[in-house]
């Protein structure tokens, strides 16, 4: 898949209007998708619960499984991570014709970016922060900046405060559930 980023929304989880900004942006991105009514929306939550910082995707996935009827790949019980991402992508493409894939992943950034949520139309590359070379995936992508990037890779993810990961996951999960529900009921 090609990595296409025209413009992106960047908001901080502590911003008082983070939810409406993300919700409206996501609904607009979904409405812009060609043949939206004929395509399945898949939410692909990437990460592992083995490292606190990397658990953002599985936490979002678990929230969505518990609170919505969205089609979700990746949760705490069944994570999608570097070891199985290629196979999961293959399964999605075999099962659905031209799905709209919303990819969710954690990322490392700068100190002043911690808590940021970025949403854009286009794919993301999972695993970059820790040196993994995985395929680009996503029609729409969402990342949450969980910690500052250093030289330690996995240790930066492991030393991430659980509180920031939980706050990001609840915010992203609620927004995604509401936005997809809104689109599907139009």
N, C-alpha and C. Protein backbone atom coordinates (compact mmCIF):
# COMPACT_ATOMS: atom_id res chain seq x y z
N UNK A 1 0.83 -1.19 0.00
CA UNK A 1 0.00 0.00 0.00
C UNK A 1 0.87 1.25 0.00
N UNK A 2 0.39 2.27 -0.61
CA UNK A 2 1.14 3.51 -0.72
C UNK A 2 0.86 4.39 0.48
N UNK A 3 1.88 5.07 0.96
CA UNK A 3 1.74 5.98 2.09
C UNK A 3 1.39 7.36 1.55
N UNK A 4 0.13 7.77 1.71
CA UNK A 4 -0.35 9.04 1.16
C UNK A 4 -0.85 9.90 2.32
N UNK A 5 -0.20 11.00 2.56
CA UNK A 5 -0.64 11.90 3.62
C UNK A 5 -0.77 13.30 3.03
N UNK A 6 -2.00 13.72 2.80
CA UNK A 6 -2.24 15.05 2.24
C UNK A 6 -2.23 16.08 3.38
N UNK A 7 -3.08 15.87 4.35
CA UNK A 7 -3.10 16.74 5.52
C UNK A 7 -3.49 15.87 6.69
N UNK A 8 -3.13 16.31 7.87
CA UNK A 8 -3.47 15.51 9.04
C UNK A 8 -3.99 16.41 10.15
N UNK A 9 -4.83 15.81 10.97
CA UNK A 9 -5.30 16.47 12.18
C UNK A 9 -4.37 16.06 13.30
N UNK A 10 -3.89 17.05 14.04
CA UNK A 10 -3.07 16.78 15.22
C UNK A 10 -3.74 17.47 16.40
N UNK A 11 -4.14 16.68 17.39
CA UNK A 11 -4.76 17.22 18.60
C UNK A 11 -4.11 16.56 19.81
N UNK A 12 -4.23 17.20 20.95
CA UNK A 12 -3.69 16.61 22.17
C UNK A 12 -4.83 16.08 23.01
N UNK A 13 -4.62 14.93 23.61
CA UNK A 13 -5.65 14.27 24.40
C UNK A 13 -6.15 15.15 25.54
N UNK A 14 -5.34 16.12 25.98
CA UNK A 14 -5.73 17.02 27.07
C UNK A 14 -6.47 18.26 26.58
N UNK A 15 -6.59 18.43 25.26
CA UNK A 15 -7.31 19.56 24.68
C UNK A 15 -8.79 19.42 25.05
N UNK A 16 -9.40 20.49 25.50
CA UNK A 16 -10.80 20.45 25.95
C UNK A 16 -11.76 20.05 24.84
N UNK A 17 -11.41 20.32 23.59
CA UNK A 17 -12.29 19.98 22.46
C UNK A 17 -11.71 18.86 21.58
N UNK A 18 -10.91 17.99 22.18
CA UNK A 18 -10.27 16.92 21.42
C UNK A 18 -11.31 16.00 20.77
N UNK A 19 -12.33 15.61 21.51
CA UNK A 19 -13.32 14.67 20.97
C UNK A 19 -14.05 15.24 19.75
N UNK A 20 -14.68 16.43 19.84
CA UNK A 20 -15.40 16.90 18.64
C UNK A 20 -14.48 17.14 17.44
N UNK A 21 -13.26 17.59 17.68
CA UNK A 21 -12.32 17.79 16.56
C UNK A 21 -12.05 16.46 15.85
N UNK A 22 -11.73 15.43 16.64
CA UNK A 22 -11.42 14.12 16.05
C UNK A 22 -12.65 13.52 15.39
N UNK A 23 -13.78 13.58 16.06
CA UNK A 23 -15.02 12.98 15.55
C UNK A 23 -15.39 13.57 14.18
N UNK A 24 -15.43 14.90 14.09
CA UNK A 24 -15.82 15.54 12.84
C UNK A 24 -14.80 15.27 11.73
N UNK A 25 -13.52 15.27 12.08
CA UNK A 25 -12.49 14.98 11.09
C UNK A 25 -12.63 13.56 10.56
N UNK A 26 -12.85 12.60 11.46
CA UNK A 26 -12.99 11.20 11.06
C UNK A 26 -14.24 11.00 10.20
N UNK A 27 -15.36 11.57 10.61
CA UNK A 27 -16.59 11.44 9.82
C UNK A 27 -16.38 12.01 8.42
N UNK A 28 -15.72 13.16 8.32
CA UNK A 28 -15.45 13.75 7.01
C UNK A 28 -14.53 12.87 6.17
N UNK A 29 -13.49 12.30 6.78
CA UNK A 29 -12.61 11.39 6.04
C UNK A 29 -13.38 10.18 5.52
N UNK A 30 -14.25 9.63 6.35
CA UNK A 30 -15.03 8.47 5.92
C UNK A 30 -15.99 8.84 4.79
N UNK A 31 -16.63 9.99 4.89
CA UNK A 31 -17.58 10.43 3.85
C UNK A 31 -16.88 10.64 2.51
N UNK A 32 -15.59 10.93 2.52
CA UNK A 32 -14.84 11.18 1.29
C UNK A 32 -14.43 9.88 0.58
N UNK A 33 -14.62 8.74 1.22
CA UNK A 33 -14.20 7.48 0.63
C UNK A 33 -15.14 7.08 -0.50
N UNK A 34 -14.56 6.70 -1.63
CA UNK A 34 -15.35 6.29 -2.79
C UNK A 34 -16.16 5.04 -2.45
N UNK A 35 -17.40 5.01 -2.93
CA UNK A 35 -18.30 3.88 -2.74
C UNK A 35 -18.38 3.43 -1.28
N UNK A 36 -18.43 4.40 -0.39
CA UNK A 36 -18.46 4.12 1.05
C UNK A 36 -19.54 3.11 1.42
N UNK A 37 -20.72 3.25 0.82
CA UNK A 37 -21.85 2.39 1.18
C UNK A 37 -21.65 0.92 0.78
N UNK A 38 -20.71 0.66 -0.13
CA UNK A 38 -20.47 -0.70 -0.60
C UNK A 38 -19.20 -1.33 0.00
N UNK A 39 -18.52 -0.61 0.89
CA UNK A 39 -17.25 -1.09 1.42
C UNK A 39 -17.35 -1.32 2.93
N UNK A 40 -16.75 -2.38 3.39
CA UNK A 40 -16.73 -2.70 4.82
C UNK A 40 -15.69 -1.82 5.52
N UNK A 41 -16.05 -1.28 6.67
CA UNK A 41 -15.10 -0.52 7.49
C UNK A 41 -14.49 -1.48 8.50
N UNK A 42 -13.18 -1.60 8.45
CA UNK A 42 -12.41 -2.47 9.34
C UNK A 42 -11.52 -1.59 10.21
N UNK A 43 -11.51 -1.84 11.50
CA UNK A 43 -10.60 -1.11 12.39
C UNK A 43 -9.50 -2.08 12.78
N UNK A 44 -8.27 -1.76 12.38
CA UNK A 44 -7.10 -2.61 12.62
C UNK A 44 -6.25 -1.96 13.70
N UNK A 45 -6.28 -2.55 14.88
CA UNK A 45 -5.58 -2.00 16.05
C UNK A 45 -4.28 -2.77 16.27
N UNK A 46 -3.17 -2.11 16.02
CA UNK A 46 -1.86 -2.76 15.99
C UNK A 46 -1.12 -2.53 17.31
N UNK A 47 -0.49 -3.57 17.82
CA UNK A 47 0.33 -3.43 19.02
C UNK A 47 0.30 -4.70 19.85
N UNK A 48 1.00 -4.63 20.97
CA UNK A 48 1.14 -5.77 21.86
C UNK A 48 0.98 -5.32 23.31
N UNK A 49 0.45 -6.20 24.14
CA UNK A 49 0.34 -5.86 25.57
C UNK A 49 1.63 -6.20 26.32
N UNK A 50 2.64 -6.62 25.61
CA UNK A 50 3.93 -6.95 26.25
C UNK A 50 4.72 -5.72 26.68
N UNK A 51 4.42 -4.58 26.06
CA UNK A 51 5.06 -3.31 26.39
C UNK A 51 3.94 -2.29 26.59
N UNK A 52 3.95 -1.60 27.70
CA UNK A 52 2.86 -0.68 28.03
C UNK A 52 2.59 0.29 26.89
N UNK A 53 3.63 0.91 26.36
CA UNK A 53 3.44 1.90 25.31
C UNK A 53 2.88 1.33 24.03
N UNK A 54 3.14 0.06 23.78
CA UNK A 54 2.68 -0.59 22.56
C UNK A 54 1.25 -1.12 22.69
N UNK A 55 0.68 -1.01 23.88
CA UNK A 55 -0.66 -1.56 24.14
C UNK A 55 -1.79 -0.63 23.69
N UNK A 56 -1.46 0.54 23.13
CA UNK A 56 -2.51 1.47 22.70
C UNK A 56 -3.48 0.81 21.73
N UNK A 57 -2.98 0.20 20.67
CA UNK A 57 -3.84 -0.44 19.68
C UNK A 57 -4.73 -1.51 20.30
N UNK A 58 -4.16 -2.48 21.02
CA UNK A 58 -5.01 -3.51 21.63
C UNK A 58 -6.03 -2.95 22.63
N UNK A 59 -5.69 -1.90 23.34
CA UNK A 59 -6.65 -1.28 24.26
C UNK A 59 -7.80 -0.63 23.50
N UNK A 60 -7.49 0.06 22.40
CA UNK A 60 -8.55 0.64 21.55
C UNK A 60 -9.42 -0.48 21.01
N UNK A 61 -8.79 -1.54 20.51
CA UNK A 61 -9.54 -2.68 19.98
C UNK A 61 -10.46 -3.31 21.01
N UNK A 62 -9.96 -3.50 22.23
CA UNK A 62 -10.78 -4.08 23.29
C UNK A 62 -11.94 -3.17 23.65
N UNK A 63 -11.70 -1.86 23.70
CA UNK A 63 -12.78 -0.91 23.96
C UNK A 63 -13.87 -1.05 22.90
N UNK A 64 -13.47 -1.09 21.64
CA UNK A 64 -14.43 -1.18 20.55
C UNK A 64 -15.20 -2.51 20.57
N UNK A 65 -14.51 -3.61 20.87
CA UNK A 65 -15.17 -4.91 20.95
C UNK A 65 -16.22 -4.90 22.07
N UNK A 66 -15.90 -4.27 23.18
CA UNK A 66 -16.81 -4.25 24.33
C UNK A 66 -17.97 -3.27 24.17
N UNK A 67 -17.78 -2.16 23.45
CA UNK A 67 -18.76 -1.08 23.43
C UNK A 67 -19.44 -0.82 22.09
N UNK A 68 -19.03 -1.51 21.03
CA UNK A 68 -19.59 -1.22 19.70
C UNK A 68 -19.82 -2.52 18.94
N UNK A 69 -20.35 -2.37 17.74
CA UNK A 69 -20.48 -3.53 16.85
C UNK A 69 -19.54 -3.39 15.64
N UNK A 70 -18.49 -2.60 15.81
CA UNK A 70 -17.50 -2.40 14.74
C UNK A 70 -16.78 -3.72 14.44
N UNK A 71 -16.28 -3.84 13.22
CA UNK A 71 -15.44 -4.98 12.85
C UNK A 71 -14.01 -4.61 13.22
N UNK A 72 -13.47 -5.33 14.20
CA UNK A 72 -12.18 -4.97 14.79
C UNK A 72 -11.21 -6.15 14.69
N UNK A 73 -9.99 -5.84 14.28
CA UNK A 73 -8.88 -6.78 14.34
C UNK A 73 -7.86 -6.18 15.29
N UNK A 74 -7.49 -6.92 16.33
CA UNK A 74 -6.51 -6.47 17.30
C UNK A 74 -7.17 -6.04 18.59
N UNK A 75 -6.95 -6.80 19.64
CA UNK A 75 -7.47 -6.49 20.97
C UNK A 75 -6.48 -7.08 21.98
N UNK A 76 -6.77 -6.89 23.25
CA UNK A 76 -5.88 -7.46 24.26
C UNK A 76 -5.88 -8.99 24.19
N UNK A 77 -7.03 -9.57 23.89
CA UNK A 77 -7.13 -11.03 23.82
C UNK A 77 -6.54 -11.59 22.53
N UNK A 78 -6.67 -10.83 21.44
CA UNK A 78 -6.16 -11.30 20.14
C UNK A 78 -5.40 -10.17 19.46
N UNK A 79 -4.20 -9.86 19.94
CA UNK A 79 -3.45 -8.72 19.38
C UNK A 79 -2.95 -8.96 17.97
N UNK A 80 -2.81 -7.84 17.25
CA UNK A 80 -2.18 -7.84 15.93
C UNK A 80 -0.85 -7.11 16.11
N UNK A 81 0.24 -7.81 15.88
CA UNK A 81 1.57 -7.27 16.16
C UNK A 81 2.54 -7.67 15.05
N UNK A 82 3.80 -7.35 15.23
CA UNK A 82 4.80 -7.62 14.19
C UNK A 82 4.82 -9.08 13.75
N UNK A 83 4.54 -9.99 14.65
CA UNK A 83 4.60 -11.41 14.32
C UNK A 83 3.45 -11.92 13.46
N UNK A 84 2.31 -11.21 13.47
CA UNK A 84 1.17 -11.71 12.70
C UNK A 84 0.51 -10.67 11.79
N UNK A 85 1.05 -9.46 11.73
CA UNK A 85 0.44 -8.38 10.95
C UNK A 85 0.28 -8.75 9.47
N UNK A 86 1.30 -9.30 8.86
CA UNK A 86 1.24 -9.64 7.43
C UNK A 86 0.11 -10.64 7.18
N UNK A 87 -0.01 -11.64 8.03
CA UNK A 87 -1.06 -12.66 7.87
C UNK A 87 -2.45 -12.05 8.08
N UNK A 88 -2.60 -11.16 9.05
CA UNK A 88 -3.89 -10.52 9.32
C UNK A 88 -4.30 -9.65 8.12
N UNK A 89 -3.36 -8.90 7.58
CA UNK A 89 -3.65 -8.07 6.40
C UNK A 89 -4.10 -8.96 5.24
N UNK A 90 -3.41 -10.06 5.04
CA UNK A 90 -3.77 -11.01 3.98
C UNK A 90 -5.19 -11.55 4.22
N UNK A 91 -5.52 -11.91 5.44
CA UNK A 91 -6.86 -12.43 5.77
C UNK A 91 -7.94 -11.38 5.50
N UNK A 92 -7.68 -10.14 5.87
CA UNK A 92 -8.65 -9.06 5.65
C UNK A 92 -8.89 -8.90 4.15
N UNK A 93 -7.81 -8.87 3.38
CA UNK A 93 -7.94 -8.67 1.92
C UNK A 93 -8.63 -9.84 1.24
N UNK A 94 -8.47 -11.05 1.78
CA UNK A 94 -9.16 -12.21 1.22
C UNK A 94 -10.64 -12.21 1.58
N UNK A 95 -10.97 -11.72 2.75
CA UNK A 95 -12.34 -11.77 3.24
C UNK A 95 -13.21 -10.61 2.76
N UNK A 96 -12.62 -9.44 2.53
CA UNK A 96 -13.39 -8.25 2.18
C UNK A 96 -12.88 -7.64 0.88
N UNK A 97 -13.82 -7.16 0.05
CA UNK A 97 -13.46 -6.51 -1.20
C UNK A 97 -13.27 -5.02 -0.95
N UNK A 98 -12.07 -4.53 -1.19
CA UNK A 98 -11.71 -3.12 -1.02
C UNK A 98 -12.23 -2.53 0.29
N UNK A 99 -11.85 -3.11 1.43
CA UNK A 99 -12.32 -2.56 2.70
C UNK A 99 -11.69 -1.19 2.99
N UNK A 100 -12.38 -0.42 3.79
CA UNK A 100 -11.81 0.81 4.32
C UNK A 100 -11.16 0.40 5.63
N UNK A 101 -9.85 0.45 5.67
CA UNK A 101 -9.13 0.02 6.87
C UNK A 101 -8.67 1.25 7.65
N UNK A 102 -9.13 1.33 8.89
CA UNK A 102 -8.68 2.39 9.79
C UNK A 102 -7.62 1.75 10.68
N UNK A 103 -6.36 2.12 10.47
CA UNK A 103 -5.24 1.56 11.23
C UNK A 103 -4.95 2.43 12.45
N UNK A 104 -4.79 1.78 13.60
CA UNK A 104 -4.52 2.48 14.87
C UNK A 104 -3.24 1.90 15.44
N UNK A 105 -2.32 2.78 15.85
CA UNK A 105 -1.06 2.32 16.42
C UNK A 105 -0.50 3.37 17.36
N UNK A 106 0.37 2.93 18.24
CA UNK A 106 1.10 3.83 19.12
C UNK A 106 2.35 4.31 18.40
N UNK A 107 2.86 5.44 18.82
CA UNK A 107 4.15 5.87 18.27
C UNK A 107 4.91 6.65 19.32
N UNK A 108 6.20 6.77 19.09
CA UNK A 108 7.08 7.58 19.93
C UNK A 108 7.33 8.89 19.22
N UNK A 109 7.45 9.96 19.98
CA UNK A 109 7.68 11.28 19.37
C UNK A 109 8.64 12.09 20.21
N UNK A 110 8.46 13.39 20.20
CA UNK A 110 9.26 14.30 21.03
C UNK A 110 8.52 14.53 22.34
N UNK A 111 9.24 15.04 23.34
CA UNK A 111 8.63 15.27 24.65
C UNK A 111 7.36 16.12 24.56
N UNK A 112 7.38 17.17 23.73
CA UNK A 112 6.22 18.06 23.65
C UNK A 112 5.09 17.48 22.79
N UNK A 113 5.29 16.29 22.21
CA UNK A 113 4.25 15.64 21.41
C UNK A 113 3.51 14.54 22.18
N UNK A 114 3.99 14.20 23.37
CA UNK A 114 3.35 13.13 24.14
C UNK A 114 1.89 13.50 24.40
N UNK A 115 1.00 12.56 24.11
CA UNK A 115 -0.43 12.81 24.26
C UNK A 115 -1.09 13.27 22.98
N UNK A 116 -0.30 13.52 21.93
CA UNK A 116 -0.89 13.92 20.65
C UNK A 116 -1.54 12.73 19.96
N UNK A 117 -2.61 13.03 19.26
CA UNK A 117 -3.29 12.06 18.41
C UNK A 117 -3.25 12.64 17.01
N UNK A 118 -2.79 11.84 16.05
CA UNK A 118 -2.72 12.29 14.67
C UNK A 118 -3.61 11.40 13.81
N UNK A 119 -4.42 12.03 12.96
CA UNK A 119 -5.33 11.31 12.08
C UNK A 119 -5.11 11.83 10.66
N UNK A 120 -4.98 10.91 9.70
CA UNK A 120 -4.82 11.32 8.32
C UNK A 120 -5.38 10.26 7.38
N UNK A 121 -5.62 10.67 6.14
CA UNK A 121 -5.98 9.72 5.10
C UNK A 121 -4.69 9.19 4.51
N UNK A 122 -4.55 7.89 4.54
CA UNK A 122 -3.33 7.25 4.07
C UNK A 122 -2.88 6.22 5.08
N UNK A 123 -1.81 5.56 4.74
CA UNK A 123 -1.36 4.43 5.55
C UNK A 123 -0.32 4.83 6.59
N UNK A 124 -0.06 3.89 7.48
CA UNK A 124 1.02 4.07 8.46
C UNK A 124 1.95 2.87 8.36
N UNK A 125 3.14 3.05 8.90
CA UNK A 125 4.12 1.97 8.96
C UNK A 125 4.31 1.59 10.41
N UNK A 126 3.78 0.45 10.81
CA UNK A 126 3.92 0.00 12.19
C UNK A 126 5.36 -0.44 12.46
N UNK A 127 5.79 -0.25 13.69
CA UNK A 127 7.07 -0.80 14.13
C UNK A 127 8.31 0.03 13.83
N UNK A 128 8.15 1.20 13.24
CA UNK A 128 9.32 2.01 12.87
C UNK A 128 10.17 2.35 14.10
N UNK A 129 9.51 2.74 15.19
CA UNK A 129 10.24 3.21 16.39
C UNK A 129 11.17 2.15 16.96
N UNK A 130 10.84 0.89 16.73
CA UNK A 130 11.67 -0.17 17.28
C UNK A 130 12.42 -0.94 16.20
N UNK A 131 12.49 -0.37 15.00
CA UNK A 131 13.30 -0.93 13.94
C UNK A 131 12.67 -2.05 13.14
N UNK A 132 11.37 -2.28 13.28
CA UNK A 132 10.70 -3.31 12.48
C UNK A 132 10.33 -2.75 11.11
N UNK A 133 10.49 -3.55 10.10
CA UNK A 133 10.09 -3.17 8.74
C UNK A 133 8.84 -3.97 8.39
N UNK A 134 7.70 -3.31 8.54
CA UNK A 134 6.41 -3.96 8.29
C UNK A 134 5.71 -3.24 7.14
N UNK A 135 4.73 -3.89 6.52
CA UNK A 135 4.05 -3.24 5.39
C UNK A 135 3.24 -2.02 5.83
N UNK A 136 3.12 -1.05 4.93
CA UNK A 136 2.24 0.09 5.16
C UNK A 136 0.81 -0.42 5.11
N UNK A 137 -0.03 0.08 6.01
CA UNK A 137 -1.42 -0.37 6.04
C UNK A 137 -2.33 0.78 6.49
N UNK A 138 -3.51 0.84 5.91
CA UNK A 138 -4.53 1.79 6.33
C UNK A 138 -5.01 2.67 5.20
N UNK A 139 -6.32 2.79 5.11
CA UNK A 139 -6.94 3.78 4.24
C UNK A 139 -6.93 5.11 4.98
N UNK A 140 -7.17 5.00 6.29
CA UNK A 140 -7.11 6.11 7.24
C UNK A 140 -6.26 5.63 8.40
N UNK A 141 -5.43 6.51 8.94
CA UNK A 141 -4.54 6.11 10.03
C UNK A 141 -4.71 7.01 11.24
N UNK A 142 -4.52 6.40 12.40
CA UNK A 142 -4.56 7.12 13.68
C UNK A 142 -3.37 6.65 14.50
N UNK A 143 -2.59 7.61 14.97
CA UNK A 143 -1.51 7.26 15.90
C UNK A 143 -1.66 8.08 17.17
N UNK A 144 -1.24 7.48 18.26
CA UNK A 144 -1.18 8.18 19.54
C UNK A 144 0.26 8.21 20.00
N UNK A 145 0.76 9.40 20.33
CA UNK A 145 2.15 9.53 20.78
C UNK A 145 2.17 9.21 22.28
N UNK A 146 2.74 8.06 22.62
CA UNK A 146 2.69 7.56 23.99
C UNK A 146 3.91 7.94 24.83
N UNK A 147 5.03 8.25 24.17
CA UNK A 147 6.24 8.57 24.93
C UNK A 147 7.24 9.25 23.99
N UNK A 148 8.30 9.77 24.60
CA UNK A 148 9.37 10.38 23.81
C UNK A 148 10.27 9.29 23.25
N UNK A 149 10.75 9.52 22.06
CA UNK A 149 11.64 8.57 21.40
C UNK A 149 13.06 8.80 21.88
N UNK A 150 13.71 7.72 22.20
CA UNK A 150 15.11 7.79 22.60
C UNK A 150 15.90 6.76 21.82
N UNK A 151 17.00 6.33 22.39
CA UNK A 151 17.84 5.34 21.72
C UNK A 151 17.45 3.92 22.11
N UNK A 152 16.45 3.80 22.98
CA UNK A 152 16.19 2.51 23.60
C UNK A 152 15.09 1.69 22.93
N UNK A 153 14.33 2.27 22.01
CA UNK A 153 13.31 1.51 21.29
C UNK A 153 12.28 0.89 22.21
N UNK A 154 12.39 -0.44 22.39
CA UNK A 154 11.42 -1.16 23.21
C UNK A 154 11.40 -0.66 24.65
N UNK A 155 12.54 -0.23 25.17
CA UNK A 155 12.56 0.28 26.54
C UNK A 155 11.80 1.59 26.67
N UNK A 156 11.80 2.41 25.60
CA UNK A 156 10.99 3.62 25.61
C UNK A 156 9.50 3.26 25.69
N UNK A 157 9.12 2.21 24.98
CA UNK A 157 7.73 1.76 25.03
C UNK A 157 7.41 1.17 26.40
N UNK A 158 8.36 0.45 26.99
CA UNK A 158 8.13 -0.19 28.29
C UNK A 158 8.05 0.84 29.41
N UNK A 159 8.77 1.94 29.30
CA UNK A 159 8.78 2.94 30.38
C UNK A 159 7.67 3.98 30.23
N UNK A 160 6.72 3.73 29.34
CA UNK A 160 5.60 4.63 29.13
C UNK A 160 4.62 4.54 30.29
N UNK A 161 4.15 5.69 30.80
CA UNK A 161 3.14 5.64 31.86
C UNK A 161 1.83 5.04 31.34
N UNK A 162 1.28 4.09 32.07
CA UNK A 162 0.02 3.47 31.69
C UNK A 162 -1.10 4.50 31.60
N UNK A 163 -1.05 5.53 32.42
CA UNK A 163 -2.12 6.53 32.45
C UNK A 163 -2.29 7.22 31.09
N UNK A 164 -1.20 7.55 30.42
CA UNK A 164 -1.31 8.23 29.12
C UNK A 164 -1.86 7.27 28.06
N UNK A 165 -1.45 6.01 28.12
CA UNK A 165 -1.93 5.02 27.16
C UNK A 165 -3.43 4.80 27.35
N UNK A 166 -3.88 4.72 28.60
CA UNK A 166 -5.31 4.52 28.88
C UNK A 166 -6.12 5.73 28.41
N UNK A 167 -5.63 6.92 28.70
CA UNK A 167 -6.34 8.14 28.31
C UNK A 167 -6.48 8.23 26.79
N UNK A 168 -5.38 7.96 26.09
CA UNK A 168 -5.40 7.97 24.62
C UNK A 168 -6.35 6.90 24.07
N UNK A 169 -6.29 5.70 24.63
CA UNK A 169 -7.10 4.59 24.10
C UNK A 169 -8.59 4.86 24.29
N UNK A 170 -9.00 5.39 25.42
CA UNK A 170 -10.41 5.67 25.64
C UNK A 170 -10.91 6.77 24.70
N UNK A 171 -10.09 7.79 24.51
CA UNK A 171 -10.46 8.90 23.64
C UNK A 171 -10.59 8.43 22.19
N UNK A 172 -9.61 7.69 21.71
CA UNK A 172 -9.62 7.19 20.33
C UNK A 172 -10.75 6.17 20.15
N UNK A 173 -10.89 5.26 21.11
CA UNK A 173 -11.92 4.23 21.02
C UNK A 173 -13.33 4.81 20.95
N UNK A 174 -13.63 5.75 21.83
CA UNK A 174 -14.97 6.36 21.84
C UNK A 174 -15.23 7.09 20.53
N UNK A 175 -14.25 7.87 20.08
CA UNK A 175 -14.42 8.62 18.83
C UNK A 175 -14.65 7.68 17.65
N UNK A 176 -13.83 6.63 17.55
CA UNK A 176 -13.98 5.70 16.43
C UNK A 176 -15.33 4.99 16.45
N UNK A 177 -15.73 4.52 17.60
CA UNK A 177 -17.01 3.85 17.72
C UNK A 177 -18.15 4.76 17.30
N UNK A 178 -18.14 6.00 17.77
CA UNK A 178 -19.20 6.95 17.44
C UNK A 178 -19.17 7.35 15.96
N UNK A 179 -17.99 7.58 15.41
CA UNK A 179 -17.88 8.01 14.01
C UNK A 179 -18.33 6.90 13.06
N UNK A 180 -17.90 5.67 13.29
CA UNK A 180 -18.30 4.56 12.43
C UNK A 180 -19.80 4.31 12.56
N UNK A 181 -20.32 4.37 13.77
CA UNK A 181 -21.76 4.19 13.99
C UNK A 181 -22.56 5.25 13.23
N UNK A 182 -22.08 6.49 13.30
CA UNK A 182 -22.75 7.59 12.61
C UNK A 182 -22.78 7.36 11.10
N UNK A 183 -21.66 6.95 10.53
CA UNK A 183 -21.56 6.69 9.08
C UNK A 183 -22.46 5.53 8.67
N UNK A 184 -22.45 4.47 9.46
CA UNK A 184 -23.21 3.28 9.11
C UNK A 184 -24.72 3.49 9.23
N UNK A 185 -25.13 4.49 9.97
CA UNK A 185 -26.57 4.76 10.16
C UNK A 185 -27.08 5.92 9.33
N UNK A 186 -26.34 6.30 8.29
CA UNK A 186 -26.79 7.39 7.43
C UNK A 186 -27.56 6.85 6.26
